[in-house]
Amino acid sequence: MEVQQHLRKEWVWIYGSIYLEGNPDQSQLFNEGMAGETSLLTKTLIEDCRDTFQNLDSLVDIGGGNGTTIKAIYEAFPHIKCTLYDLPHVIANSTDHPNIVKIPGDMFKSVPSTQAILLKLILHGWTDEQCVNILIRCKEAINQETGKVIIVDVALEEESEHELTKTRLILDIDMMVNTGGRERTADDWENLLKRAGFRSHKIRQIRAIQSVIEAFP
């Protein structure tokens, strides 16, 4: 089963990227759809976690799509040097902003140097091994004294009676079936981050299905 999930995820990543790269209209629709889904989450992230961002001098949004999130962060914190990093065809179709740098690339191969990195709704789409690979690249790219990786993803609480618990578990099933990834518990996040070499982390609940995990090198 694990091998099948891995192969399915690789198929979606490779052929999905090739299809979208060769079909710019569909690529734009996909990215606009992702932007619409993430707008409310971004608003909540900024409102609930101002202290997470206010002391940063540079931030790279990995897999940031058309730039909706990084643009909102820049508008809320204009002192931050903001960078959008995604696959070349995504960057080519992203919105230009005079104060946001756009860099095409592959997060499995390299990540731009910065003080902090944002991974919003990224890691739940990948296997543990792939997540560790991404996190190692991120750890290598951030400032080792003042840097951090800001992960916005679900932190499951399976025994919790919280009103969003069932929704989070449904998302877990959806990710496993459709991408080969999964939603993760607090223990799962701790394990991933330790494997990637992070010395500490903290998890913050926000007014959303997702939580904010700050990881420190």
N, C-alpha and C. Protein backbone atom coordinates (compact mmCIF):
# COMPACT_ATOMS: atom_id res chain seq x y z
N MET A 1 0.83 -1.21 0.00
CA MET A 1 0.00 0.00 0.00
C MET A 1 0.86 1.26 0.00
N GLU A 2 1.91 1.29 0.83
CA GLU A 2 2.77 2.47 0.89
C GLU A 2 3.45 2.71 -0.45
N VAL A 3 3.89 1.63 -1.12
CA VAL A 3 4.53 1.78 -2.42
C VAL A 3 3.54 2.32 -3.44
N GLN A 4 2.30 1.81 -3.40
CA GLN A 4 1.28 2.27 -4.33
C GLN A 4 0.98 3.75 -4.12
N GLN A 5 0.88 4.17 -2.86
CA GLN A 5 0.63 5.58 -2.56
C GLN A 5 1.77 6.45 -3.06
N HIS A 6 2.99 5.99 -2.86
CA HIS A 6 4.15 6.75 -3.30
C HIS A 6 4.13 6.92 -4.82
N LEU A 7 3.86 5.82 -5.54
CA LEU A 7 3.84 5.88 -6.99
C LEU A 7 2.70 6.77 -7.48
N ARG A 8 1.54 6.70 -6.80
CA ARG A 8 0.42 7.55 -7.19
C ARG A 8 0.79 9.01 -7.02
N LYS A 9 1.44 9.32 -5.91
CA LYS A 9 1.83 10.70 -5.68
C LYS A 9 2.83 11.16 -6.72
N GLU A 10 3.80 10.32 -7.03
CA GLU A 10 4.78 10.69 -8.04
C GLU A 10 4.11 10.90 -9.40
N TRP A 11 3.11 10.06 -9.71
CA TRP A 11 2.41 10.22 -10.99
C TRP A 11 1.69 11.56 -11.02
N VAL A 12 0.97 11.89 -9.95
CA VAL A 12 0.25 13.16 -9.90
C VAL A 12 1.21 14.33 -10.03
N TRP A 13 2.34 14.27 -9.32
CA TRP A 13 3.31 15.36 -9.33
C TRP A 13 3.92 15.55 -10.72
N ILE A 14 4.39 14.43 -11.32
CA ILE A 14 5.07 14.52 -12.61
C ILE A 14 4.10 14.88 -13.73
N TYR A 15 3.04 14.07 -13.88
CA TYR A 15 2.15 14.28 -15.02
C TYR A 15 1.24 15.48 -14.81
N GLY A 16 0.86 15.75 -13.56
CA GLY A 16 0.07 16.95 -13.29
C GLY A 16 0.86 18.20 -13.62
N SER A 17 2.12 18.23 -13.23
CA SER A 17 2.97 19.39 -13.53
C SER A 17 3.20 19.54 -15.03
N ILE A 18 3.42 18.41 -15.71
CA ILE A 18 3.62 18.47 -17.16
C ILE A 18 2.37 18.98 -17.85
N TYR A 19 1.21 18.47 -17.42
CA TYR A 19 -0.05 18.90 -18.05
C TYR A 19 -0.27 20.39 -17.84
N LEU A 20 -0.13 20.86 -16.60
CA LEU A 20 -0.37 22.27 -16.31
C LEU A 20 0.65 23.16 -17.02
N GLU A 21 1.88 22.70 -17.09
CA GLU A 21 2.91 23.49 -17.78
C GLU A 21 2.58 23.65 -19.26
N GLY A 22 2.00 22.59 -19.86
CA GLY A 22 1.67 22.65 -21.27
C GLY A 22 0.30 23.22 -21.57
N ASN A 23 -0.46 23.52 -20.51
CA ASN A 23 -1.80 24.07 -20.69
C ASN A 23 -1.96 25.30 -19.79
N PRO A 24 -1.44 26.44 -20.23
CA PRO A 24 -1.41 27.63 -19.38
C PRO A 24 -2.77 28.09 -18.89
N ASP A 25 -3.82 27.92 -19.71
CA ASP A 25 -5.16 28.32 -19.27
C ASP A 25 -5.61 27.47 -18.08
N GLN A 26 -5.39 26.17 -18.17
CA GLN A 26 -5.75 25.28 -17.06
C GLN A 26 -4.88 25.55 -15.84
N SER A 27 -3.61 25.84 -16.08
CA SER A 27 -2.70 26.16 -14.98
C SER A 27 -3.17 27.40 -14.23
N GLN A 28 -3.62 28.41 -15.00
CA GLN A 28 -4.11 29.64 -14.37
C GLN A 28 -5.36 29.37 -13.56
N LEU A 29 -6.28 28.55 -14.09
CA LEU A 29 -7.50 28.21 -13.36
C LEU A 29 -7.17 27.46 -12.07
N PHE A 30 -6.22 26.53 -12.16
CA PHE A 30 -5.81 25.76 -10.98
C PHE A 30 -5.26 26.68 -9.91
N ASN A 31 -4.37 27.59 -10.30
CA ASN A 31 -3.74 28.48 -9.33
C ASN A 31 -4.73 29.49 -8.76
N GLU A 32 -5.68 29.94 -9.59
CA GLU A 32 -6.71 30.85 -9.09
C GLU A 32 -7.61 30.14 -8.08
N GLY A 33 -7.90 28.86 -8.36
CA GLY A 33 -8.71 28.09 -7.42
C GLY A 33 -8.00 27.90 -6.09
N MET A 34 -6.71 27.60 -6.15
CA MET A 34 -5.92 27.46 -4.93
C MET A 34 -5.86 28.78 -4.16
N ALA A 35 -5.76 29.88 -4.90
CA ALA A 35 -5.71 31.20 -4.27
C ALA A 35 -7.01 31.51 -3.54
N GLY A 36 -8.14 31.17 -4.18
CA GLY A 36 -9.42 31.41 -3.54
C GLY A 36 -9.58 30.60 -2.27
N GLU A 37 -9.11 29.35 -2.29
CA GLU A 37 -9.22 28.48 -1.13
C GLU A 37 -8.37 28.99 0.04
N THR A 38 -7.25 29.62 -0.29
CA THR A 38 -6.30 29.99 0.75
C THR A 38 -6.49 31.39 1.31
N SER A 39 -7.33 32.23 0.67
CA SER A 39 -7.46 33.63 1.09
C SER A 39 -7.90 33.76 2.55
N LEU A 40 -8.94 33.02 2.92
CA LEU A 40 -9.46 33.12 4.29
C LEU A 40 -8.44 32.60 5.29
N LEU A 41 -7.76 31.49 4.96
CA LEU A 41 -6.74 30.95 5.85
C LEU A 41 -5.62 31.95 6.04
N THR A 42 -5.20 32.61 4.98
CA THR A 42 -4.13 33.60 5.07
C THR A 42 -4.53 34.76 5.97
N LYS A 43 -5.76 35.23 5.84
CA LYS A 43 -6.26 36.31 6.69
C LYS A 43 -6.20 35.91 8.16
N THR A 44 -6.64 34.69 8.47
CA THR A 44 -6.60 34.19 9.84
C THR A 44 -5.17 34.05 10.33
N LEU A 45 -4.30 33.54 9.47
CA LEU A 45 -2.88 33.37 9.82
C LEU A 45 -2.26 34.69 10.23
N ILE A 46 -2.50 35.73 9.45
CA ILE A 46 -1.92 37.04 9.74
C ILE A 46 -2.51 37.63 11.02
N GLU A 47 -3.80 37.49 11.21
CA GLU A 47 -4.45 38.07 12.39
C GLU A 47 -4.06 37.34 13.68
N ASP A 48 -3.95 36.02 13.62
CA ASP A 48 -3.69 35.22 14.82
C ASP A 48 -2.21 35.08 15.15
N CYS A 49 -1.34 35.35 14.18
CA CYS A 49 0.09 35.07 14.37
C CYS A 49 0.97 36.26 14.01
N ARG A 50 0.56 37.45 14.38
CA ARG A 50 1.36 38.63 14.04
C ARG A 50 2.77 38.52 14.62
N ASP A 51 2.90 37.98 15.81
CA ASP A 51 4.22 37.88 16.42
C ASP A 51 5.11 36.88 15.70
N THR A 52 4.53 36.00 14.91
CA THR A 52 5.31 35.04 14.13
C THR A 52 6.07 35.74 13.01
N PHE A 53 5.50 36.83 12.49
CA PHE A 53 6.06 37.51 11.32
C PHE A 53 6.73 38.84 11.63
N GLN A 54 6.31 39.52 12.69
CA GLN A 54 6.68 40.92 12.84
C GLN A 54 8.18 41.16 13.03
N ASN A 55 8.93 40.16 13.51
CA ASN A 55 10.36 40.35 13.72
C ASN A 55 11.22 39.78 12.58
N LEU A 56 10.58 39.36 11.50
CA LEU A 56 11.33 38.81 10.37
C LEU A 56 11.84 39.92 9.46
N ASP A 57 13.00 39.68 8.83
CA ASP A 57 13.48 40.62 7.81
C ASP A 57 13.37 40.04 6.41
N SER A 58 13.24 38.70 6.28
CA SER A 58 13.05 38.09 4.96
C SER A 58 12.27 36.79 5.10
N LEU A 59 11.46 36.51 4.09
CA LEU A 59 10.58 35.33 4.11
C LEU A 59 10.40 34.79 2.70
N VAL A 60 10.54 33.47 2.52
CA VAL A 60 10.29 32.82 1.25
C VAL A 60 9.07 31.93 1.39
N ASP A 61 8.09 32.13 0.51
CA ASP A 61 6.89 31.29 0.48
C ASP A 61 7.13 30.18 -0.53
N ILE A 62 7.34 28.95 -0.01
CA ILE A 62 7.62 27.80 -0.87
C ILE A 62 6.31 27.22 -1.39
N GLY A 63 6.21 27.06 -2.70
CA GLY A 63 4.97 26.54 -3.28
C GLY A 63 3.83 27.51 -3.13
N GLY A 64 4.13 28.79 -3.27
CA GLY A 64 3.15 29.84 -2.99
C GLY A 64 2.18 30.15 -4.11
N GLY A 65 2.17 29.35 -5.18
CA GLY A 65 1.18 29.52 -6.24
C GLY A 65 1.26 30.88 -6.92
N ASN A 66 0.11 31.54 -7.02
CA ASN A 66 0.10 32.82 -7.74
C ASN A 66 0.49 34.01 -6.86
N GLY A 67 0.87 33.74 -5.60
CA GLY A 67 1.38 34.79 -4.74
C GLY A 67 0.37 35.43 -3.82
N THR A 68 -0.83 34.86 -3.72
CA THR A 68 -1.88 35.44 -2.86
C THR A 68 -1.40 35.59 -1.42
N THR A 69 -0.79 34.55 -0.88
CA THR A 69 -0.39 34.57 0.53
C THR A 69 0.76 35.53 0.77
N ILE A 70 1.81 35.45 -0.04
CA ILE A 70 2.98 36.29 0.20
C ILE A 70 2.64 37.76 -0.02
N LYS A 71 1.72 38.05 -0.93
CA LYS A 71 1.29 39.43 -1.13
C LYS A 71 0.58 39.95 0.11
N ALA A 72 -0.30 39.14 0.70
CA ALA A 72 -1.02 39.55 1.91
C ALA A 72 -0.06 39.75 3.07
N ILE A 73 0.95 38.89 3.18
CA ILE A 73 1.94 39.03 4.25
C ILE A 73 2.74 40.31 4.07
N TYR A 74 3.15 40.59 2.82
CA TYR A 74 3.89 41.83 2.58
C TYR A 74 3.06 43.06 2.93
N GLU A 75 1.78 43.05 2.56
CA GLU A 75 0.93 44.20 2.84
C GLU A 75 0.73 44.39 4.34
N ALA A 76 0.75 43.30 5.11
CA ALA A 76 0.61 43.40 6.56
C ALA A 76 1.93 43.74 7.24
N PHE A 77 3.04 43.31 6.62
CA PHE A 77 4.38 43.51 7.20
C PHE A 77 5.33 44.01 6.11
N PRO A 78 5.21 45.25 5.69
CA PRO A 78 5.97 45.76 4.55
C PRO A 78 7.48 45.83 4.77
N HIS A 79 7.93 45.64 6.01
CA HIS A 79 9.37 45.65 6.27
C HIS A 79 10.03 44.33 5.87
N ILE A 80 9.24 43.28 5.60
CA ILE A 80 9.79 41.97 5.27
C ILE A 80 10.12 41.90 3.77
N LYS A 81 11.33 41.44 3.46
CA LYS A 81 11.69 41.15 2.07
C LYS A 81 11.04 39.82 1.70
N CYS A 82 10.04 39.87 0.83
CA CYS A 82 9.23 38.69 0.53
C CYS A 82 9.59 38.08 -0.82
N THR A 83 9.63 36.75 -0.85
CA THR A 83 9.96 36.02 -2.08
C THR A 83 8.95 34.91 -2.31
N LEU A 84 8.51 34.79 -3.56
CA LEU A 84 7.63 33.70 -3.99
C LEU A 84 8.47 32.67 -4.72
N TYR A 85 8.37 31.40 -4.31
CA TYR A 85 9.18 30.33 -4.91
C TYR A 85 8.26 29.18 -5.30
N ASP A 86 8.29 28.83 -6.58
CA ASP A 86 7.42 27.74 -7.06
C ASP A 86 7.98 27.24 -8.38
N LEU A 87 7.32 26.23 -8.95
CA LEU A 87 7.76 25.68 -10.22
C LEU A 87 7.74 26.75 -11.31
N PRO A 88 8.59 26.62 -12.32
CA PRO A 88 8.72 27.68 -13.33
C PRO A 88 7.41 28.09 -14.00
N HIS A 89 6.56 27.11 -14.36
CA HIS A 89 5.32 27.48 -15.05
C HIS A 89 4.35 28.17 -14.11
N VAL A 90 4.44 27.89 -12.81
CA VAL A 90 3.59 28.58 -11.83
C VAL A 90 4.06 30.03 -11.67
N ILE A 91 5.37 30.19 -11.53
CA ILE A 91 5.93 31.54 -11.40
C ILE A 91 5.60 32.38 -12.63
N ALA A 92 5.65 31.77 -13.80
CA ALA A 92 5.39 32.50 -15.05
C ALA A 92 3.97 33.05 -15.08
N ASN A 93 3.04 32.38 -14.40
CA ASN A 93 1.64 32.82 -14.42
C ASN A 93 1.22 33.55 -13.14
N SER A 94 2.18 33.80 -12.27
CA SER A 94 1.85 34.48 -11.01
C SER A 94 1.79 35.99 -11.21
N THR A 95 1.09 36.64 -10.29
CA THR A 95 0.91 38.09 -10.38
C THR A 95 2.19 38.82 -10.01
N ASP A 96 2.57 39.80 -10.80
CA ASP A 96 3.75 40.61 -10.49
C ASP A 96 3.44 41.59 -9.35
N HIS A 97 4.44 41.82 -8.52
CA HIS A 97 4.33 42.81 -7.45
C HIS A 97 5.68 43.49 -7.34
N PRO A 98 5.72 44.81 -7.31
CA PRO A 98 7.01 45.52 -7.33
C PRO A 98 7.92 45.20 -6.15
N ASN A 99 7.36 44.74 -5.04
CA ASN A 99 8.16 44.50 -3.84
C ASN A 99 8.27 43.03 -3.46
N ILE A 100 7.89 42.15 -4.39
CA ILE A 100 7.99 40.71 -4.13
C ILE A 100 8.84 40.07 -5.21
N VAL A 101 9.90 39.40 -4.80
CA VAL A 101 10.79 38.71 -5.72
C VAL A 101 10.18 37.36 -6.09
N LYS A 102 10.26 37.00 -7.36
CA LYS A 102 9.74 35.71 -7.82
C LYS A 102 10.90 34.86 -8.32
N ILE A 103 11.02 33.64 -7.78
CA ILE A 103 12.11 32.75 -8.15
C ILE A 103 11.53 31.39 -8.55
N PRO A 104 11.81 30.92 -9.77
CA PRO A 104 11.37 29.58 -10.17
C PRO A 104 12.34 28.52 -9.67
N GLY A 105 11.81 27.35 -9.31
CA GLY A 105 12.69 26.29 -8.86
C GLY A 105 11.92 25.09 -8.35
N ASP A 106 12.65 24.13 -7.82
CA ASP A 106 12.09 22.86 -7.34
C ASP A 106 12.51 22.69 -5.88
N MET A 107 11.54 22.63 -4.99
CA MET A 107 11.84 22.56 -3.55
C MET A 107 12.56 21.27 -3.16
N PHE A 108 12.53 20.25 -4.02
CA PHE A 108 13.24 19.02 -3.72
C PHE A 108 14.73 19.13 -4.05
N LYS A 109 15.09 20.18 -4.80
CA LYS A 109 16.48 20.33 -5.21
C LYS A 109 17.19 21.47 -4.48
N SER A 110 16.52 22.59 -4.30
CA SER A 110 17.13 23.72 -3.63
C SER A 110 16.06 24.67 -3.13
N VAL A 111 16.44 25.50 -2.16
CA VAL A 111 15.55 26.51 -1.59
C VAL A 111 16.35 27.80 -1.43
N PRO A 112 15.79 28.97 -1.79
CA PRO A 112 16.54 30.22 -1.66
C PRO A 112 16.90 30.54 -0.22
N SER A 113 18.07 31.12 -0.01
CA SER A 113 18.51 31.51 1.33
C SER A 113 17.63 32.64 1.86
N THR A 114 17.30 32.58 3.14
CA THR A 114 16.39 33.54 3.75
C THR A 114 16.44 33.40 5.27
N GLN A 115 15.80 34.32 5.97
CA GLN A 115 15.70 34.18 7.42
C GLN A 115 14.65 33.13 7.78
N ALA A 116 13.51 33.17 7.07
CA ALA A 116 12.42 32.25 7.41
C ALA A 116 11.74 31.75 6.14
N ILE A 117 11.09 30.59 6.26
CA ILE A 117 10.40 29.96 5.15
C ILE A 117 8.98 29.65 5.57
N LEU A 118 8.04 29.85 4.65
CA LEU A 118 6.64 29.48 4.86
C LEU A 118 6.30 28.28 4.00
N LEU A 119 5.76 27.24 4.64
CA LEU A 119 5.25 26.05 3.96
C LEU A 119 3.77 25.93 4.31
N LYS A 120 2.93 26.51 3.51
CA LYS A 120 1.50 26.52 3.82
C LYS A 120 0.77 25.52 2.93
N LEU A 121 0.16 24.52 3.58
CA LEU A 121 -0.58 23.47 2.87
C LEU A 121 0.29 22.76 1.84
N ILE A 122 1.53 22.51 2.21
CA ILE A 122 2.47 21.83 1.31
C ILE A 122 2.75 20.41 1.79
N LEU A 123 3.17 20.26 3.03
CA LEU A 123 3.70 18.97 3.48
C LEU A 123 2.65 17.88 3.60
N HIS A 124 1.39 18.24 3.78
CA HIS A 124 0.36 17.19 3.89
C HIS A 124 0.17 16.43 2.58
N GLY A 125 0.71 16.95 1.50
CA GLY A 125 0.58 16.28 0.21
C GLY A 125 1.68 15.31 -0.11
N TRP A 126 2.61 15.10 0.85
CA TRP A 126 3.79 14.28 0.57
C TRP A 126 3.99 13.22 1.64
N THR A 127 4.74 12.17 1.28
CA THR A 127 5.07 11.12 2.24
C THR A 127 6.06 11.66 3.28
N ASP A 128 6.25 10.88 4.34
CA ASP A 128 7.19 11.29 5.39
C ASP A 128 8.59 11.49 4.82
N GLU A 129 9.05 10.56 3.99
CA GLU A 129 10.40 10.66 3.44
C GLU A 129 10.54 11.92 2.59
N GLN A 130 9.54 12.23 1.79
CA GLN A 130 9.59 13.42 0.96
C GLN A 130 9.56 14.69 1.81
N CYS A 131 8.75 14.65 2.89
CA CYS A 131 8.70 15.81 3.79
C CYS A 131 10.04 16.06 4.47
N VAL A 132 10.70 14.99 4.90
CA VAL A 132 12.01 15.14 5.52
C VAL A 132 12.99 15.76 4.53
N ASN A 133 12.93 15.32 3.28
CA ASN A 133 13.79 15.89 2.24
C ASN A 133 13.54 17.38 2.08
N ILE A 134 12.27 17.77 1.98
CA ILE A 134 11.92 19.19 1.84
C ILE A 134 12.40 19.98 3.06
N LEU A 135 12.16 19.44 4.25
CA LEU A 135 12.53 20.14 5.48
C LEU A 135 14.04 20.30 5.62
N ILE A 136 14.80 19.31 5.18
CA ILE A 136 16.26 19.43 5.22
C ILE A 136 16.72 20.56 4.31
N ARG A 137 16.14 20.66 3.12
CA ARG A 137 16.47 21.76 2.21
C ARG A 137 16.13 23.11 2.85
N CYS A 138 14.99 23.16 3.53
CA CYS A 138 14.58 24.40 4.18
C CYS A 138 15.52 24.76 5.32
N LYS A 139 15.90 23.78 6.12
CA LYS A 139 16.80 24.04 7.25
C LYS A 139 18.14 24.56 6.75
N GLU A 140 18.63 24.03 5.65
CA GLU A 140 19.89 24.48 5.09
C GLU A 140 19.81 25.93 4.59
N ALA A 141 18.61 26.37 4.22
CA ALA A 141 18.44 27.68 3.59
C ALA A 141 18.22 28.83 4.57
N ILE A 142 17.77 28.52 5.79
CA ILE A 142 17.41 29.59 6.71
C ILE A 142 18.58 30.00 7.61
N ASN A 143 18.46 31.20 8.18
CA ASN A 143 19.44 31.69 9.13
C ASN A 143 19.48 30.75 10.34
N GLN A 144 20.66 30.24 10.65
CA GLN A 144 20.78 29.22 11.70
C GLN A 144 20.64 29.78 13.12
N GLU A 145 20.71 31.08 13.26
CA GLU A 145 20.58 31.69 14.59
C GLU A 145 19.20 32.28 14.83
N THR A 146 18.67 32.97 13.82
CA THR A 146 17.38 33.65 14.02
C THR A 146 16.28 33.10 13.12
N GLY A 147 16.58 32.10 12.32
CA GLY A 147 15.62 31.62 11.33
C GLY A 147 14.61 30.62 11.87
N LYS A 148 13.61 30.35 11.05
CA LYS A 148 12.61 29.34 11.38
C LYS A 148 11.85 28.95 10.12
N VAL A 149 11.22 27.78 10.19
CA VAL A 149 10.31 27.34 9.15
C VAL A 149 8.91 27.38 9.73
N ILE A 150 8.02 28.07 9.03
CA ILE A 150 6.64 28.24 9.47
C ILE A 150 5.77 27.30 8.64
N ILE A 151 5.25 26.27 9.29
CA ILE A 151 4.43 25.26 8.61
C ILE A 151 2.97 25.50 8.96
N VAL A 152 2.14 25.60 7.95
CA VAL A 152 0.70 25.74 8.18
C VAL A 152 0.03 24.49 7.63
N ASP A 153 -0.39 23.61 8.53
CA ASP A 153 -0.97 22.33 8.16
C ASP A 153 -1.77 21.81 9.35
N VAL A 154 -2.52 20.77 9.13
CA VAL A 154 -3.33 20.17 10.19
C VAL A 154 -2.43 19.48 11.21
N ALA A 155 -2.77 19.64 12.50
CA ALA A 155 -2.15 18.87 13.58
C ALA A 155 -3.27 18.08 14.24
N LEU A 156 -3.37 16.81 13.91
CA LEU A 156 -4.49 15.99 14.34
C LEU A 156 -4.48 15.75 15.85
N GLU A 157 -5.68 15.75 16.41
CA GLU A 157 -5.90 15.37 17.80
C GLU A 157 -7.02 14.33 17.79
N GLU A 158 -6.65 13.09 17.60
CA GLU A 158 -7.62 12.03 17.32
C GLU A 158 -8.62 11.81 18.46
N GLU A 159 -8.21 12.04 19.68
CA GLU A 159 -9.10 11.80 20.82
C GLU A 159 -9.85 13.06 21.24
N SER A 160 -9.60 14.15 20.55
CA SER A 160 -10.19 15.43 20.93
C SER A 160 -11.67 15.50 20.55
N GLU A 161 -12.44 16.25 21.33
CA GLU A 161 -13.84 16.49 21.02
C GLU A 161 -14.02 17.86 20.36
N HIS A 162 -12.93 18.44 19.88
CA HIS A 162 -13.00 19.73 19.21
C HIS A 162 -13.92 19.63 17.99
N GLU A 163 -14.66 20.70 17.70
CA GLU A 163 -15.65 20.68 16.63
C GLU A 163 -15.04 20.42 15.25
N LEU A 164 -13.74 20.66 15.09
CA LEU A 164 -13.10 20.47 13.79
C LEU A 164 -12.38 19.12 13.65
N THR A 165 -12.42 18.30 14.71
CA THR A 165 -11.67 17.05 14.69
C THR A 165 -12.12 16.13 13.56
N LYS A 166 -13.43 15.97 13.39
CA LYS A 166 -13.94 15.08 12.33
C LYS A 166 -13.54 15.60 10.95
N THR A 167 -13.59 16.90 10.76
CA THR A 167 -13.19 17.48 9.47
C THR A 167 -11.72 17.21 9.20
N ARG A 168 -10.89 17.34 10.23
CA ARG A 168 -9.46 17.08 10.06
C ARG A 168 -9.20 15.62 9.70
N LEU A 169 -9.93 14.71 10.32
CA LEU A 169 -9.76 13.29 10.02
C LEU A 169 -10.23 12.95 8.61
N ILE A 170 -11.30 13.61 8.16
CA ILE A 170 -11.77 13.42 6.78
C ILE A 170 -10.70 13.91 5.80
N LEU A 171 -10.08 15.04 6.11
CA LEU A 171 -9.00 15.55 5.26
C LEU A 171 -7.84 14.56 5.21
N ASP A 172 -7.58 13.90 6.33
CA ASP A 172 -6.51 12.91 6.40
C ASP A 172 -6.78 11.80 5.39
N ILE A 173 -8.01 11.30 5.37
CA ILE A 173 -8.38 10.25 4.42
C ILE A 173 -8.25 10.75 2.99
N ASP A 174 -8.73 11.97 2.76
CA ASP A 174 -8.67 12.55 1.41
C ASP A 174 -7.24 12.65 0.91
N MET A 175 -6.33 13.11 1.76
CA MET A 175 -4.93 13.25 1.35
C MET A 175 -4.29 11.90 1.07
N MET A 176 -4.59 10.90 1.90
CA MET A 176 -4.01 9.57 1.70
C MET A 176 -4.48 8.96 0.39
N VAL A 177 -5.78 9.10 0.09
CA VAL A 177 -6.35 8.48 -1.10
C VAL A 177 -5.91 9.19 -2.38
N ASN A 178 -5.89 10.52 -2.34
CA ASN A 178 -5.69 11.29 -3.56
C ASN A 178 -4.26 11.73 -3.83
N THR A 179 -3.42 11.77 -2.81
CA THR A 179 -2.05 12.25 -3.03
C THR A 179 -0.97 11.32 -2.51
N GLY A 180 -1.31 10.40 -1.63
CA GLY A 180 -0.28 9.59 -0.98
C GLY A 180 0.31 10.28 0.23
N GLY A 181 -0.11 11.51 0.50
CA GLY A 181 0.31 12.22 1.71
C GLY A 181 -0.64 11.92 2.85
N ARG A 182 -0.64 12.76 3.88
CA ARG A 182 -1.56 12.56 5.00
C ARG A 182 -1.49 13.75 5.93
N GLU A 183 -2.54 13.90 6.74
CA GLU A 183 -2.47 14.85 7.84
C GLU A 183 -1.74 14.18 9.00
N ARG A 184 -1.16 14.98 9.90
CA ARG A 184 -0.27 14.42 10.90
C ARG A 184 -0.62 14.87 12.31
N THR A 185 -0.31 14.01 13.28
CA THR A 185 -0.51 14.34 14.69
C THR A 185 0.68 15.16 15.18
N ALA A 186 0.56 15.69 16.40
CA ALA A 186 1.67 16.43 17.00
C ALA A 186 2.91 15.55 17.10
N ASP A 187 2.73 14.27 17.44
CA ASP A 187 3.87 13.35 17.52
C ASP A 187 4.50 13.13 16.14
N ASP A 188 3.67 13.05 15.12
CA ASP A 188 4.19 12.88 13.76
C ASP A 188 5.05 14.08 13.36
N TRP A 189 4.56 15.29 13.67
CA TRP A 189 5.32 16.49 13.33
C TRP A 189 6.65 16.51 14.08
N GLU A 190 6.62 16.14 15.35
CA GLU A 190 7.86 16.11 16.13
C GLU A 190 8.86 15.15 15.50
N ASN A 191 8.39 13.98 15.08
CA ASN A 191 9.26 12.99 14.47
C ASN A 191 9.86 13.50 13.17
N LEU A 192 9.04 14.10 12.30
CA LEU A 192 9.54 14.62 11.03
C LEU A 192 10.61 15.68 11.25
N LEU A 193 10.33 16.61 12.16
CA LEU A 193 11.25 17.72 12.39
C LEU A 193 12.56 17.25 13.01
N LYS A 194 12.50 16.27 13.90
CA LYS A 194 13.72 15.71 14.48
C LYS A 194 14.55 15.03 13.40
N ARG A 195 13.90 14.27 12.53
CA ARG A 195 14.61 13.59 11.45
C ARG A 195 15.29 14.58 10.51
N ALA A 196 14.68 15.75 10.35
CA ALA A 196 15.25 16.77 9.46
C ALA A 196 16.31 17.62 10.16
N GLY A 197 16.50 17.39 11.47
CA GLY A 197 17.58 18.07 12.19
C GLY A 197 17.19 19.34 12.92
N PHE A 198 15.90 19.61 13.08
CA PHE A 198 15.48 20.80 13.82
C PHE A 198 15.60 20.54 15.32
N ARG A 199 16.09 21.56 16.05
CA ARG A 199 16.34 21.39 17.49
C ARG A 199 15.07 21.53 18.32
N SER A 200 14.10 22.33 17.86
CA SER A 200 12.88 22.52 18.63
C SER A 200 11.75 23.03 17.73
N HIS A 201 10.54 22.97 18.26
CA HIS A 201 9.39 23.49 17.51
C HIS A 201 8.26 23.78 18.48
N LYS A 202 7.27 24.51 18.01
CA LYS A 202 6.07 24.74 18.79
C LYS A 202 4.87 24.74 17.87
N ILE A 203 3.73 24.28 18.39
CA ILE A 203 2.51 24.19 17.61
C ILE A 203 1.48 25.15 18.20
N ARG A 204 0.90 25.96 17.34
CA ARG A 204 -0.10 26.94 17.78
C ARG A 204 -1.41 26.67 17.06
N GLN A 205 -2.49 26.61 17.83
CA GLN A 205 -3.81 26.49 17.24
C GLN A 205 -4.29 27.87 16.79
N ILE A 206 -4.89 27.94 15.61
CA ILE A 206 -5.47 29.18 15.12
C ILE A 206 -6.93 28.93 14.77
N ARG A 207 -7.63 29.97 14.38
CA ARG A 207 -9.07 29.84 14.06
C ARG A 207 -9.26 29.25 12.67
N ALA A 208 -8.78 28.02 12.51
CA ALA A 208 -8.85 27.34 11.22
C ALA A 208 -8.70 25.85 11.44
N ILE A 209 -8.92 25.08 10.40
CA ILE A 209 -8.70 23.64 10.47
C ILE A 209 -7.22 23.36 10.70
N GLN A 210 -6.38 24.19 10.12
CA GLN A 210 -4.93 24.01 10.22
C GLN A 210 -4.38 24.64 11.51
N SER A 211 -3.18 24.24 11.85
CA SER A 211 -2.41 24.83 12.93
C SER A 211 -1.14 25.44 12.36
N VAL A 212 -0.41 26.17 13.19
CA VAL A 212 0.87 26.77 12.78
C VAL A 212 1.98 26.08 13.57
N ILE A 213 2.91 25.49 12.86
CA ILE A 213 4.06 24.82 13.49
C ILE A 213 5.30 25.62 13.16
N GLU A 214 5.96 26.17 14.16
CA GLU A 214 7.20 26.89 13.95
C GLU A 214 8.37 25.99 14.33
N ALA A 215 9.27 25.76 13.39
CA ALA A 215 10.41 24.87 13.60
C ALA A 215 11.71 25.69 13.58
N PHE A 216 12.58 25.42 14.56
CA PHE A 216 13.80 26.19 14.74
C PHE A 216 15.03 25.32 14.52
N PRO A 217 16.02 25.81 13.74
CA PRO A 217 17.20 25.00 13.41
C PRO A 217 18.13 24.79 14.59
